[in-house]
Amino acid sequence: LIYEETRGVLKVFLENVIRDAVTHTEHTKRKTVTATVVFYLP
């Protein structure tokens, strides 16, 4: 049960981080999502 809850929370967190990183990358008219973008967004 704890594993399933943790997995669900991690999935939602990663989906949000990836979505924000892609949105930021598209907004800045770049074609590559870099680790720097992912690191500084949250």
PDB file of N, CA and C in Angstrom:
ATOM      1  N   LEU A   1       0.826  -1.204   0.000  1.00  0.00           N
ATOM      2  CA  LEU A   1       0.000   0.000   0.000  1.00  0.00           C
ATOM      3  C   LEU A   1       0.864   1.260   0.000  1.00  0.00           C
ATOM      4  N   ILE A   2       1.853   1.300   0.851  1.00  0.00           N
ATOM      5  CA  ILE A   2       2.732   2.471   0.897  1.00  0.00           C
ATOM      6  C   ILE A   2       3.481   2.611  -0.427  1.00  0.00           C
ATOM      7  N   TYR A   3       3.902   1.473  -0.991  1.00  0.00           N
ATOM      8  CA  TYR A   3       4.615   1.508  -2.262  1.00  0.00           C
ATOM      9  C   TYR A   3       3.743   2.120  -3.350  1.00  0.00           C
ATOM     10  N   GLU A   4       2.479   1.725  -3.410  1.00  0.00           N
ATOM     11  CA  GLU A   4       1.564   2.248  -4.433  1.00  0.00           C
ATOM     12  C   GLU A   4       1.342   3.752  -4.254  1.00  0.00           C
ATOM     13  N   GLU A   5       1.198   4.202  -3.016  1.00  0.00           N
ATOM     14  CA  GLU A   5       1.003   5.632  -2.764  1.00  0.00           C
ATOM     15  C   GLU A   5       2.238   6.424  -3.166  1.00  0.00           C
ATOM     16  N   THR A   6       3.413   5.913  -2.794  1.00  0.00           N
ATOM     17  CA  THR A   6       4.664   6.586  -3.141  1.00  0.00           C
ATOM     18  C   THR A   6       4.830   6.647  -4.647  1.00  0.00           C
ATOM     19  N   ARG A   7       4.521   5.554  -5.299  1.00  0.00           N
ATOM     20  CA  ARG A   7       4.632   5.486  -6.754  1.00  0.00           C
ATOM     21  C   ARG A   7       3.697   6.505  -7.414  1.00  0.00           C
ATOM     22  N   GLY A   8       2.486   6.621  -6.895  1.00  0.00           N
ATOM     23  CA  GLY A   8       1.526   7.573  -7.442  1.00  0.00           C
ATOM     24  C   GLY A   8       1.973   9.012  -7.267  1.00  0.00           C
ATOM     25  N   VAL A   9       2.478   9.335  -6.082  1.00  0.00           N
ATOM     26  CA  VAL A   9       2.950  10.699  -5.810  1.00  0.00           C
ATOM     27  C   VAL A   9       4.152  11.030  -6.686  1.00  0.00           C
ATOM     28  N   LEU A  10       5.084  10.107  -6.812  1.00  0.00           N
ATOM     29  CA  LEU A  10       6.269  10.326  -7.643  1.00  0.00           C
ATOM     30  C   LEU A  10       5.879  10.513  -9.102  1.00  0.00           C
ATOM     31  N   LYS A  11       4.908   9.739  -9.565  1.00  0.00           N
ATOM     32  CA  LYS A  11       4.458   9.846 -10.956  1.00  0.00           C
ATOM     33  C   LYS A  11       3.887  11.233 -11.225  1.00  0.00           C
ATOM     34  N   VAL A  12       3.029  11.712 -10.332  1.00  0.00           N
ATOM     35  CA  VAL A  12       2.427  13.038 -10.500  1.00  0.00           C
ATOM     36  C   VAL A  12       3.504  14.118 -10.456  1.00  0.00           C
ATOM     37  N   PHE A  13       4.440  14.000  -9.515  1.00  0.00           N
ATOM     38  CA  PHE A  13       5.518  14.984  -9.400  1.00  0.00           C
ATOM     39  C   PHE A  13       6.340  15.049 -10.683  1.00  0.00           C
ATOM     40  N   LEU A  14       6.734  13.882 -11.201  1.00  0.00           N
ATOM     41  CA  LEU A  14       7.550  13.856 -12.416  1.00  0.00           C
ATOM     42  C   LEU A  14       6.775  14.369 -13.626  1.00  0.00           C
ATOM     43  N   GLU A  15       5.496  14.051 -13.706  1.00  0.00           N
ATOM     44  CA  GLU A  15       4.679  14.569 -14.808  1.00  0.00           C
ATOM     45  C   GLU A  15       4.656  16.095 -14.775  1.00  0.00           C
ATOM     46  N   ASN A  16       4.507  16.664 -13.587  1.00  0.00           N
ATOM     47  CA  ASN A  16       4.479  18.123 -13.451  1.00  0.00           C
ATOM     48  C   ASN A  16       5.821  18.749 -13.809  1.00  0.00           C
ATOM     49  N   VAL A  17       6.909  18.148 -13.340  1.00  0.00           N
ATOM     50  CA  VAL A  17       8.243  18.679 -13.634  1.00  0.00           C
ATOM     51  C   VAL A  17       8.514  18.622 -15.133  1.00  0.00           C
ATOM     52  N   ILE A  18       8.195  17.493 -15.750  1.00  0.00           N
ATOM     53  CA  ILE A  18       8.442  17.348 -17.188  1.00  0.00           C
ATOM     54  C   ILE A  18       7.580  18.322 -17.982  1.00  0.00           C
ATOM     55  N   ARG A  19       6.315  18.454 -17.608  1.00  0.00           N
ATOM     56  CA  ARG A  19       5.428  19.389 -18.311  1.00  0.00           C
ATOM     57  C   ARG A  19       5.951  20.822 -18.200  1.00  0.00           C
ATOM     58  N   ASP A  20       6.359  21.231 -16.995  1.00  0.00           N
ATOM     59  CA  ASP A  20       6.886  22.583 -16.799  1.00  0.00           C
ATOM     60  C   ASP A  20       8.173  22.799 -17.587  1.00  0.00           C
ATOM     61  N   ALA A  21       9.044  21.798 -17.618  1.00  0.00           N
ATOM     62  CA  ALA A  21      10.305  21.918 -18.350  1.00  0.00           C
ATOM     63  C   ALA A  21      10.052  22.050 -19.847  1.00  0.00           C
ATOM     64  N   VAL A  22       9.128  21.259 -20.367  1.00  0.00           N
ATOM     65  CA  VAL A  22       8.805  21.333 -21.796  1.00  0.00           C
ATOM     66  C   VAL A  22       8.164  22.678 -22.122  1.00  0.00           C
ATOM     67  N   THR A  23       7.266  23.137 -21.271  1.00  0.00           N
ATOM     68  CA  THR A  23       6.623  24.436 -21.488  1.00  0.00           C
ATOM     69  C   THR A  23       7.654  25.554 -21.493  1.00  0.00           C
ATOM     70  N   HIS A  24       8.559  25.531 -20.540  1.00  0.00           N
ATOM     71  CA  HIS A  24       9.610  26.557 -20.470  1.00  0.00           C
ATOM     72  C   HIS A  24      10.493  26.509 -21.711  1.00  0.00           C
ATOM     73  N   THR A  25      10.862  25.301 -22.132  1.00  0.00           N
ATOM     74  CA  THR A  25      11.724  25.141 -23.303  1.00  0.00           C
ATOM     75  C   THR A  25      11.028  25.656 -24.557  1.00  0.00           C
ATOM     76  N   GLU A  26       9.749  25.348 -24.715  1.00  0.00           N
ATOM     77  CA  GLU A  26       9.004  25.841 -25.875  1.00  0.00           C
ATOM     78  C   GLU A  26       8.869  27.360 -25.828  1.00  0.00           C
ATOM     79  N   HIS A  27       8.635  27.909 -24.646  1.00  0.00           N
ATOM     80  CA  HIS A  27       8.470  29.356 -24.501  1.00  0.00           C
ATOM     81  C   HIS A  27       9.747  30.104 -24.881  1.00  0.00           C
ATOM     82  N   THR A  28      10.893  29.526 -24.564  1.00  0.00           N
ATOM     83  CA  THR A  28      12.167  30.171 -24.892  1.00  0.00           C
ATOM     84  C   THR A  28      12.646  29.809 -26.291  1.00  0.00           C
ATOM     85  N   LYS A  29      11.783  29.108 -27.051  1.00  0.00           N
ATOM     86  CA  LYS A  29      12.052  28.742 -28.445  1.00  0.00           C
ATOM     87  C   LYS A  29      13.301  27.880 -28.602  1.00  0.00           C
ATOM     88  N   ARG A  30      13.521  27.028 -27.629  1.00  0.00           N
ATOM     89  CA  ARG A  30      14.620  26.066 -27.717  1.00  0.00           C
ATOM     90  C   ARG A  30      14.062  24.718 -28.118  1.00  0.00           C
ATOM     91  N   LYS A  31      14.948  23.828 -28.526  1.00  0.00           N
ATOM     92  CA  LYS A  31      14.508  22.505 -28.958  1.00  0.00           C
ATOM     93  C   LYS A  31      14.942  21.404 -28.014  1.00  0.00           C
ATOM     94  N   THR A  32      15.753  21.748 -27.020  1.00  0.00           N
ATOM     95  CA  THR A  32      16.281  20.740 -26.110  1.00  0.00           C
ATOM     96  C   THR A  32      16.001  21.137 -24.663  1.00  0.00           C
ATOM     97  N   VAL A  33      15.460  20.188 -23.909  1.00  0.00           N
ATOM     98  CA  VAL A  33      15.280  20.393 -22.471  1.00  0.00           C
ATOM     99  C   VAL A  33      16.594  20.022 -21.800  1.00  0.00           C
ATOM    100  N   THR A  34      17.175  20.956 -21.074  1.00  0.00           N
ATOM    101  CA  THR A  34      18.454  20.692 -20.415  1.00  0.00           C
ATOM    102  C   THR A  34      18.241  20.424 -18.926  1.00  0.00           C
ATOM    103  N   ALA A  35      19.239  19.841 -18.316  1.00  0.00           N
ATOM    104  CA  ALA A  35      19.173  19.556 -16.884  1.00  0.00           C
ATOM    105  C   ALA A  35      19.057  20.849 -16.084  1.00  0.00           C
ATOM    106  N   THR A  36      19.657  21.916 -16.571  1.00  0.00           N
ATOM    107  CA  THR A  36      19.591  23.200 -15.881  1.00  0.00           C
ATOM    108  C   THR A  36      18.148  23.684 -15.779  1.00  0.00           C
ATOM    109  N   VAL A  37      17.394  23.543 -16.850  1.00  0.00           N
ATOM    110  CA  VAL A  37      15.987  23.951 -16.845  1.00  0.00           C
ATOM    111  C   VAL A  37      15.220  23.129 -15.817  1.00  0.00           C
ATOM    112  N   VAL A  38      15.419  21.834 -15.821  1.00  0.00           N
ATOM    113  CA  VAL A  38      14.710  20.949 -14.895  1.00  0.00           C
ATOM    114  C   VAL A  38      15.100  21.259 -13.456  1.00  0.00           C
ATOM    115  N   PHE A  39      16.366  21.556 -13.228  1.00  0.00           N
ATOM    116  CA  PHE A  39      16.858  21.801 -11.874  1.00  0.00           C
ATOM    117  C   PHE A  39      16.305  23.099 -11.292  1.00  0.00           C
ATOM    118  N   TYR A  40      16.231  24.156 -12.100  1.00  0.00           N
ATOM    119  CA  TYR A  40      15.835  25.460 -11.578  1.00  0.00           C
ATOM    120  C   TYR A  40      14.338  25.708 -11.571  1.00  0.00           C
ATOM    121  N   LEU A  41      13.542  24.905 -12.262  1.00  0.00           N
ATOM    122  CA  LEU A  41      12.099  25.150 -12.307  1.00  0.00           C
ATOM    123  C   LEU A  41      11.369  24.939 -10.988  1.00  0.00           C
ATOM    124  N   PRO A  42      11.528  23.797 -10.314  1.00  0.00           N
ATOM    125  CA  PRO A  42      10.716  23.596  -9.100  1.00  0.00           C
ATOM    126  C   PRO A  42      11.158  24.544  -8.032  1.00  0.00           C
TER     127      PRO A  42
END
